[in-house]
Protein backbone atom coordinates (compact mmCIF):
# COMPACT_ATOMS: atom_id res chain seq x y z
CA MET A 1 237.15 126.84 63.99
CA VAL A 2 234.43 127.30 66.59
CA ARG A 3 235.47 129.02 69.80
CA LEU A 4 233.84 127.56 72.89
CA GLY A 5 233.16 129.00 76.32
CA LEU A 6 235.48 128.54 79.26
CA ARG A 7 232.88 127.30 81.73
CA GLY A 8 234.96 124.15 82.19
CA TRP A 9 237.61 126.01 84.24
CA VAL A 10 238.04 124.74 87.78
CA ALA A 11 239.52 126.57 90.74
CA ARG A 12 242.66 124.43 90.90
CA ARG A 13 243.76 125.17 87.34
CA ARG A 14 247.47 125.00 86.58
CA ARG A 15 249.41 126.58 83.79
CA PRO A 16 249.18 124.41 80.65
CA GLY A 17 252.35 122.58 79.70
CA ARG A 18 253.86 122.46 83.19
CA ALA A 19 255.03 119.04 84.39
CA SER A 20 253.53 118.01 87.71
CA ALA A 21 252.70 115.10 89.94
CA GLU A 22 249.33 113.47 89.45
CA PRO A 23 246.46 115.61 90.78
CA ALA A 24 245.00 114.23 94.00
CA ASN A 25 241.57 113.67 92.42
CA ALA A 26 242.85 111.91 89.31
CA ALA A 27 243.26 108.14 89.29
CA TYR A 28 244.46 107.30 85.80
CA ARG A 29 243.26 103.81 84.89
CA GLY A 30 245.56 103.42 81.91
CA ASP A 31 245.33 104.15 78.22
CA TYR A 32 242.31 102.90 76.30
CA GLU A 33 242.97 99.57 74.60
CA GLY A 34 239.61 98.69 73.01
CA ARG A 35 237.75 99.77 69.91
CA ALA A 36 235.44 102.76 69.83
CA THR A 37 233.08 104.52 67.47
CA ILE A 38 234.47 107.93 66.59
CA GLU A 39 231.86 110.66 66.33
CA TYR A 40 231.76 114.38 65.65
CA ALA A 41 229.40 116.05 68.12
CA PRO A 42 230.76 119.36 69.47
CA ARG A 43 228.34 121.56 71.42
CA ALA A 44 229.19 124.88 73.07
CA ASP A 45 227.63 123.79 76.36
CA GLY A 46 230.56 123.69 78.79
CA ASP A 47 230.88 119.89 78.57
CA ALA A 48 233.61 118.06 76.65
CA ASP A 49 232.27 116.48 73.46
CA PRO A 50 233.80 114.54 70.56
CA GLY A 51 235.27 116.98 68.08
CA GLU A 52 236.45 119.40 70.76
CA VAL A 53 239.94 120.12 72.00
CA VAL A 54 239.95 120.30 75.80
CA TRP A 55 242.66 120.73 78.44
CA ALA A 56 243.34 117.92 80.89
CA TRP A 57 246.15 116.37 82.92
CA VAL A 58 247.88 113.70 80.81
CA PRO A 59 250.18 111.15 82.47
CA PHE A 60 253.58 110.39 80.98
CA GLU A 61 253.83 106.91 79.47
CA GLU A 62 257.07 106.10 81.26
CA ASP A 63 255.73 107.19 84.68
CA PRO A 64 251.95 107.58 84.99
CA THR A 65 252.33 109.25 88.40
CA GLN A 66 253.87 112.22 86.56
CA GLY A 67 252.34 114.21 83.72
CA LYS A 68 251.27 117.64 82.60
CA ASP A 69 248.27 119.65 81.48
CA ARG A 70 247.91 119.57 77.74
CA PRO A 71 245.31 119.86 75.02
CA VAL A 72 243.45 116.67 74.10
CA LEU A 73 241.20 116.09 71.07
CA VAL A 74 238.11 114.18 72.19
CA LEU A 75 237.29 111.42 69.66
CA ALA A 76 234.60 109.37 71.33
CA ARG A 77 232.89 108.26 74.52
CA SER A 78 233.13 104.85 76.14
CA GLY A 79 230.98 104.20 79.16
CA GLY A 80 231.47 107.23 81.36
CA ASP A 81 234.89 108.04 79.89
CA LEU A 82 235.97 110.44 77.18
CA LEU A 83 238.49 109.01 74.71
CA GLY A 84 241.02 111.43 73.32
CA LEU A 85 244.32 112.02 71.60
CA MET A 86 246.91 114.37 73.08
CA LEU A 87 248.21 117.36 71.17
CA THR A 88 251.61 118.99 71.12
CA SER A 89 253.08 122.10 69.56
CA LYS A 90 256.41 120.33 69.05
CA ASP A 91 257.14 119.23 65.50
CA HIS A 92 257.56 115.46 65.25
CA ASP A 93 258.89 113.85 62.12
CA ARG A 94 258.75 110.08 61.99
CA ASP A 95 262.24 108.70 62.50
CA PRO A 96 262.78 106.00 59.85
CA ARG A 97 265.21 104.29 62.25
CA ARG A 98 262.35 103.92 64.76
CA PRO A 99 259.34 102.75 62.74
CA ASP A 100 257.62 101.63 65.96
CA GLY A 101 257.80 105.12 67.49
CA PRO A 102 254.81 107.41 68.14
CA VAL A 103 252.62 108.36 65.18
CA TRP A 104 251.81 112.08 64.84
CA PHE A 105 249.40 113.92 62.53
CA ASP A 106 249.53 117.66 61.75
CA ILE A 107 246.29 119.51 62.51
CA GLY A 108 247.41 123.13 62.20
CA THR A 109 246.47 125.99 64.48
CA GLY A 110 243.47 126.56 66.66
CA ALA A 111 242.01 128.50 69.57
CA TRP A 112 243.32 125.87 72.04
CA ASP A 113 246.81 127.44 71.71
CA ARG A 114 246.89 131.11 72.68
CA GLN A 115 250.20 131.57 70.84
CA GLY A 116 248.73 130.29 67.57
CA ARG A 117 251.36 127.57 67.15
CA PRO A 118 250.72 124.67 64.77
CA SER A 119 249.79 121.47 66.58
CA GLU A 120 250.12 117.76 66.02
CA VAL A 121 247.94 115.02 67.46
CA ARG A 122 249.33 111.66 68.56
CA LEU A 123 247.40 108.86 66.88
CA ASP A 124 248.74 105.74 68.59
CA ARG A 125 247.89 106.51 72.23
CA VAL A 126 244.23 106.81 73.24
CA LEU A 127 243.68 108.49 76.60
CA ARG A 128 240.78 107.77 78.94
CA LEU A 129 239.54 110.87 80.71
CA ALA A 130 236.83 111.24 83.30
CA PRO A 131 234.65 114.21 82.27
CA GLY A 132 235.33 115.83 85.65
CA ASP A 133 239.08 115.82 84.96
CA VAL A 134 238.69 118.14 81.96
CA ARG A 135 239.96 121.58 82.97
CA ARG A 136 238.39 123.64 80.17
CA GLU A 137 237.26 123.60 76.59
CA GLY A 138 239.68 125.12 74.08
CA ALA A 139 237.99 124.90 70.69
CA ALA A 140 236.24 122.58 68.29
CA LEU A 141 237.94 121.31 65.18
CA ASP A 142 236.02 121.97 62.00
CA ARG A 143 234.37 118.81 60.69
CA THR A 144 236.77 118.39 57.74
CA ARG A 145 239.87 118.45 59.93
CA PHE A 146 238.22 116.18 62.50
CA GLU A 147 237.33 113.63 59.81
CA GLN A 148 240.95 113.68 58.57
CA VAL A 149 242.19 112.95 62.10
CA ALA A 150 239.50 110.30 62.58
CA ALA A 151 240.51 108.52 59.34
CA ALA A 152 244.19 108.57 60.33
CA ALA A 153 243.34 107.35 63.84
CA ARG A 154 241.18 104.50 62.49
CA ASP A 155 244.02 103.47 60.19
CA THR A 156 246.66 103.66 62.95
CA LEU A 157 244.53 101.95 65.61
CA GLY A 158 242.83 99.40 63.37
CA TRP A 159 239.34 100.63 64.28
């Protein structure tokens, strides 16, 4: 695990995990629906890069005007957007009665969670983030773990 600087903090930061209305500067254009090339390119430079876990406001699926700050694993870039998968510290087991439900993948612990809780990444929802909407860098996944997530995401998304 590589710990990255916190130069991505902005003055209007909120406590992670708190539900809130959409920030005034964020205009969420919807989840990413295309195909992308996943890459591993973390750099401790204050900018969000593929392979890094960053914090950003993520809209709820059922009401995109509401959401919360949460960690997001950046997978790729598309145009000027970052493409990422949201993380959670909640344990999600696939419900066999709901085979069409969200798909989660365990990634363990990392510096993005100050409490050291194990995390899972959601594989079936790709978020589009403007680089300016990233609140801070949390950590970079090691290459082995990133490649495991990338393989699972490719399989889930058909990339």
